[in-house]
């Protein structure tokens, strides 16, 4: 559906919704916005048409001038000379194509190094979380014991009030809190911290290696990009320099003389 068709549809909906104030405001806003978009589109198309005509006219003029120049050059160069220049152009463009291929390879390697770096960062982050989590059981145990202390006080109050059933329930909660406060032995905890620390150290080192590799490959990509940019920017000057310094193209070999024909013998 084109914008103008959409506008007609919205205007029709507006007519149907005139009695519905909440829809009217929304439709009016949508219509105003769509009208602006259509006006911008129309203005853009008009501007593009003018630009297109200007480009076509300029192309026509420049093509006419180039045709005149082409005849002049053709009248003053040999086929061998033109072939020589074509060979120089092909050679220069071949070098640029090789540089572009090298750039694509370097960019691909850099992308792979970036992906690897992101993966190593994730491993490091996980190792950091693992090590930090070892401190959480101690915090949880402290909270559980604090909750148990509050429940003990509440249980005393229920016993004093002879509300033994509630006291029974609270005692079950107390035991649950106390059991939740169980911690690993210092030996087990030390081994866990040691393993987690070693894991973080290894992960950090692997991340740094990946970061260094990414930096190295990024530098190679930047160098390859500069080589391509330089070659492209100097392409025309390079070709002209080679044409001016190239030895004269060999002249075309002269046509061999026609073989002599012996005169017919007198009868």
Protein backbone atom coordinates (compact mmCIF):
# COMPACT_ATOMS: atom_id res chain seq x y z
CA UNK A 1 0.00 0.00 0.00
CA UNK A 2 1.44 3.37 -1.03
CA UNK A 3 1.51 6.35 1.36
CA UNK A 4 -1.24 8.07 -0.64
CA UNK A 5 -3.42 4.97 -0.45
CA UNK A 6 -2.75 4.81 3.29
CA UNK A 7 -3.82 8.47 3.56
CA UNK A 8 -7.15 7.75 1.88
CA UNK A 9 -7.68 4.81 4.23
CA UNK A 10 -6.94 6.93 7.31
CA UNK A 11 -9.22 9.73 6.11
CA UNK A 12 -12.00 7.18 5.63
CA UNK A 13 -11.43 5.88 9.15
CA UNK A 14 -11.58 9.45 10.42
CA UNK A 15 -15.01 9.93 8.90
CA UNK A 16 -16.21 6.73 10.57
CA UNK A 17 -14.76 7.75 13.92
CA UNK A 18 -16.04 11.33 14.14
CA UNK A 19 -18.26 10.37 17.05
CA UNK A 20 -15.37 8.76 18.92
CA UNK A 21 -13.29 11.59 20.33
CA UNK A 22 -10.41 9.39 21.50
CA UNK A 23 -9.90 7.99 18.01
CA UNK A 24 -10.33 11.31 16.25
CA UNK A 25 -7.30 12.92 17.88
CA UNK A 26 -5.15 9.89 17.15
CA UNK A 27 -6.25 9.66 13.54
CA UNK A 28 -5.76 13.37 13.00
CA UNK A 29 -2.23 13.11 14.33
CA UNK A 30 -1.52 10.10 12.10
CA UNK A 31 -2.96 11.90 9.07
CA UNK A 32 -0.90 15.03 9.76
CA UNK A 33 2.25 12.95 10.15
CA UNK A 34 1.52 10.98 6.97
CA UNK A 35 0.82 14.17 5.01
CA UNK A 36 4.20 15.50 6.08
CA UNK A 37 5.88 12.25 5.04
CA UNK A 38 4.15 12.39 1.65
CA UNK A 39 5.15 16.03 1.17
CA UNK A 40 8.76 15.16 2.04
CA UNK A 41 8.64 12.21 -0.36
CA UNK A 42 7.23 14.35 -3.18
CA UNK A 43 9.82 17.06 -2.56
CA UNK A 44 12.56 14.45 -2.51
CA UNK A 45 11.39 12.94 -5.78
CA UNK A 46 11.31 16.35 -7.45
CA UNK A 47 14.79 17.13 -6.17
CA UNK A 48 16.08 13.75 -7.32
CA UNK A 49 14.60 14.25 -10.79
CA UNK A 50 16.42 17.58 -11.08
CA UNK A 51 19.68 16.01 -9.92
CA UNK A 52 19.20 13.10 -12.33
CA UNK A 53 18.65 15.45 -15.28
CA UNK A 54 21.73 17.48 -14.33
CA UNK A 55 23.88 14.35 -14.13
CA UNK A 56 22.62 13.04 -17.49
CA UNK A 57 23.29 16.40 -19.17
CA UNK A 58 26.78 16.54 -17.67
CA UNK A 59 27.46 12.97 -18.78
CA UNK A 60 26.37 13.83 -22.31
CA UNK A 61 28.65 16.87 -22.47
CA UNK A 62 31.65 15.06 -21.08
CA UNK A 63 31.07 12.06 -23.36
CA UNK A 64 31.07 14.38 -26.39
CA UNK A 65 34.37 15.96 -25.31
CA UNK A 66 35.87 12.54 -24.60
CA UNK A 67 34.83 11.30 -28.05
CA UNK A 68 36.73 14.17 -29.68
CA UNK A 69 39.77 13.50 -27.49
CA UNK A 70 39.56 9.77 -28.22
CA UNK A 71 39.74 10.43 -31.99
CA UNK A 72 42.73 12.71 -31.53
CA UNK A 73 44.53 10.14 -29.38
CA UNK A 74 43.64 7.33 -31.74
CA UNK A 75 45.07 9.28 -34.69
CA UNK A 76 48.35 9.85 -32.82
CA UNK A 77 49.03 6.46 -31.16
CA UNK A 78 49.68 3.02 -32.53
CA UNK A 79 47.92 -0.16 -31.52
CA UNK A 80 51.15 -1.31 -29.86
CA UNK A 81 51.31 1.85 -27.73
CA UNK A 82 47.71 1.51 -26.64
CA UNK A 83 48.27 -2.14 -25.78
CA UNK A 84 51.33 -1.15 -23.75
CA UNK A 85 49.30 1.38 -21.72
CA UNK A 86 46.52 -1.16 -21.20
CA UNK A 87 49.09 -3.58 -19.83
CA UNK A 88 50.39 -0.97 -17.37
CA UNK A 89 46.84 -0.24 -16.17
CA UNK A 90 46.14 -3.95 -15.75
CA UNK A 91 49.34 -4.38 -13.76
CA UNK A 92 48.61 -1.49 -11.40
CA UNK A 93 45.01 -2.65 -10.88
CA UNK A 94 46.29 -6.17 -10.24
CA UNK A 95 48.52 -4.89 -7.45
CA UNK A 96 45.57 -3.01 -5.93
CA UNK A 97 43.40 -6.13 -6.19
CA UNK A 98 46.06 -8.09 -4.31
CA UNK A 99 46.14 -5.46 -1.58
CA UNK A 100 42.34 -5.55 -1.32
CA UNK A 101 42.47 -9.34 -0.93
CA UNK A 102 45.11 -9.00 1.78
CA UNK A 103 42.92 -6.42 3.52
CA UNK A 104 39.91 -8.77 3.42
CA UNK A 105 42.01 -11.54 4.96
CA UNK A 106 43.31 -9.24 7.69
CA UNK A 107 39.80 -7.97 8.44
CA UNK A 108 38.54 -11.56 8.68
CA UNK A 109 41.35 -12.45 11.09
CA UNK A 110 40.60 -9.36 13.16
CA UNK A 111 36.93 -10.30 13.36
CA UNK A 112 37.88 -13.78 14.54
CA UNK A 113 40.24 -12.33 17.15
CA UNK A 114 37.46 -10.04 18.40
CA UNK A 115 35.07 -12.99 18.73
CA UNK A 116 37.72 -14.91 20.67
CA UNK A 117 38.33 -11.90 22.94
CA UNK A 118 34.62 -11.64 23.73
CA UNK A 119 34.58 -15.34 24.61
CA UNK A 120 37.60 -14.96 26.90
CA UNK A 121 35.99 -11.95 28.58
CA UNK A 122 32.94 -14.11 29.31
CA UNK A 123 35.14 -16.79 30.86
CA UNK A 124 36.90 -14.18 33.01
CA UNK A 125 33.56 -12.75 34.12
CA UNK A 126 32.34 -16.20 35.10
CA UNK A 127 35.53 -16.86 37.07
CA UNK A 128 35.10 -13.54 38.90
CA UNK A 129 31.51 -14.43 39.80
CA UNK A 130 32.59 -17.88 40.99
CA UNK A 131 35.23 -16.44 43.29
CA UNK A 132 32.90 -13.74 44.61
CA UNK A 133 30.18 -16.33 45.26
CA UNK A 134 32.44 -18.13 47.76
CA UNK A 135 31.89 -15.23 50.13
CA UNK A 136 28.11 -15.47 49.89
CA UNK A 137 27.65 -18.59 52.10
CA UNK A 138 29.29 -16.70 55.00
CA UNK A 139 26.91 -13.80 54.51
CA UNK A 140 23.96 -16.20 54.20
CA UNK A 141 25.02 -18.03 57.37
CA UNK A 142 25.21 -14.77 59.29
CA UNK A 143 21.71 -13.84 58.12
CA UNK A 144 20.32 -17.29 58.94
CA UNK A 145 21.73 -17.16 62.47
CA UNK A 146 20.38 -13.66 62.93
CA UNK A 147 16.95 -14.89 61.82
CA UNK A 148 17.26 -17.85 64.21
CA UNK A 149 18.01 -15.47 67.08
CA UNK A 150 14.84 -13.51 66.34
CA UNK A 151 12.83 -16.73 66.17
CA UNK A 152 14.23 -17.92 69.50
CA UNK A 153 13.00 -14.71 71.10
CA UNK A 154 9.59 -15.15 69.46
CA UNK A 155 9.43 -18.77 70.65
CA UNK A 156 10.12 -17.71 74.26
CA UNK A 157 7.22 -15.29 73.99
CA UNK A 158 4.87 -18.00 72.66
CA UNK A 159 5.92 -20.44 75.40
CA UNK A 160 5.33 -17.77 78.02
CA UNK A 161 1.87 -17.27 76.55
CA UNK A 162 1.37 -21.07 76.62
CA UNK A 163 0.79 -21.01 72.86
CA UNK A 164 2.74 -24.20 72.36
CA UNK A 165 1.49 -25.00 68.88
CA UNK A 166 2.88 -21.74 67.49
CA UNK A 167 6.04 -22.35 69.50
CA UNK A 168 6.30 -25.78 67.89
CA UNK A 169 6.08 -24.20 64.44
CA UNK A 170 8.67 -21.56 65.31
CA UNK A 171 11.08 -24.23 66.59
CA UNK A 172 10.85 -26.02 63.24
CA UNK A 173 11.71 -22.72 61.54
CA UNK A 174 14.61 -22.20 63.92
CA UNK A 175 16.14 -25.58 63.10
CA UNK A 176 15.77 -24.79 59.41
CA UNK A 177 17.63 -21.51 59.85
CA UNK A 178 20.40 -23.14 61.88
CA UNK A 179 20.87 -25.90 59.30
CA UNK A 180 21.00 -23.28 56.55
CA UNK A 181 23.97 -21.73 58.34
CA UNK A 182 26.17 -24.80 57.79
CA UNK A 183 29.48 -23.88 56.17
CA UNK A 184 32.23 -25.89 54.55
CA UNK A 185 35.21 -26.67 56.74
CA UNK A 186 38.13 -24.22 56.47
CA UNK A 187 40.08 -26.84 54.53
CA UNK A 188 37.32 -27.31 51.93
CA UNK A 189 36.77 -23.57 51.75
CA UNK A 190 40.49 -22.96 51.23
CA UNK A 191 40.63 -25.50 48.44
CA UNK A 192 37.60 -23.94 46.77
CA UNK A 193 39.08 -20.45 46.98
CA UNK A 194 42.39 -21.74 45.66
CA UNK A 195 40.70 -23.41 42.68
CA UNK A 196 38.59 -20.34 41.96
CA UNK A 197 41.60 -18.03 42.23
CA UNK A 198 43.60 -20.23 39.89
CA UNK A 199 40.68 -20.29 37.47
CA UNK A 200 40.44 -16.50 37.54
CA UNK A 201 44.20 -16.16 37.03
CA UNK A 202 44.13 -18.48 34.01
CA UNK A 203 41.07 -16.76 32.57
CA UNK A 204 42.60 -13.31 33.03
CA UNK A 205 45.79 -14.43 31.31
CA UNK A 206 43.88 -15.97 28.40
CA UNK A 207 41.84 -12.78 28.06
CA UNK A 208 45.01 -10.67 27.97
CA UNK A 209 46.50 -12.94 25.30
CA UNK A 210 43.31 -12.59 23.25
CA UNK A 211 43.40 -8.83 23.77
CA UNK A 212 47.02 -8.66 22.58
CA UNK A 213 46.19 -10.82 19.56
CA UNK A 214 43.22 -8.63 18.70
CA UNK A 215 45.39 -5.51 18.99
CA UNK A 216 48.04 -7.08 16.75
CA UNK A 217 45.53 -8.13 14.12
CA UNK A 218 43.83 -4.74 14.28
CA UNK A 219 47.19 -3.09 13.58
CA UNK A 220 47.70 -5.43 10.61
CA UNK A 221 44.26 -4.56 9.30
CA UNK A 222 44.94 -0.84 9.67
CA UNK A 223 48.23 -1.27 7.81
CA UNK A 224 46.50 -3.22 5.05
CA UNK A 225 43.78 -0.58 4.83
CA UNK A 226 46.38 2.18 4.53
CA UNK A 227 48.16 0.25 1.78
CA UNK A 228 44.91 -0.04 -0.18
CA UNK A 229 44.03 3.62 0.39
CA UNK A 230 47.50 4.77 -0.67
CA UNK A 231 47.50 2.56 -3.76
CA UNK A 232 44.07 3.77 -4.82
CA UNK A 233 44.88 7.44 -4.20
CA UNK A 234 48.15 7.16 -6.15
CA UNK A 235 46.76 4.89 -8.88
CA UNK A 236 46.45 7.55 -11.55
CA UNK A 237 49.84 9.12 -10.82
CA UNK A 238 51.45 5.68 -10.74
CA UNK A 239 50.00 4.73 -14.11
CA UNK A 240 51.04 8.04 -15.70
CA UNK A 241 54.56 7.69 -14.27
CA UNK A 242 54.92 4.19 -15.67
CA UNK A 243 53.57 5.25 -19.05
CA UNK A 244 56.01 8.17 -19.23
CA UNK A 245 59.01 6.03 -18.25
CA UNK A 246 58.14 2.95 -20.30
CA UNK A 247 60.31 2.28 -23.36
CA UNK A 248 58.77 3.03 -26.70
CA UNK A 249 56.44 0.32 -27.89
CA UNK A 250 57.95 -1.71 -30.75
CA UNK A 251 56.70 -0.73 -34.15
CA UNK A 252 54.57 -3.20 -36.02
CA UNK A 253 56.67 -5.36 -38.38
CA UNK A 254 56.64 -4.22 -42.00
CA UNK A 255 54.67 -6.33 -44.39
CA UNK A 256 56.82 -8.81 -46.32
CA UNK A 257 57.25 -7.94 -50.03
CA UNK A 258 55.21 -9.98 -52.48
CA UNK A 259 57.26 -12.74 -54.17
CA UNK A 260 58.48 -11.94 -57.66
CA UNK A 261 56.72 -13.67 -60.51
CA UNK A 262 58.93 -14.99 -63.35
CA UNK A 263 57.83 -13.84 -66.78
CA UNK A 264 56.26 -16.46 -68.94
CA UNK A 265 58.76 -17.98 -71.50
CA UNK A 266 58.45 -16.94 -75.12
CA UNK A 267 56.93 -19.57 -77.27
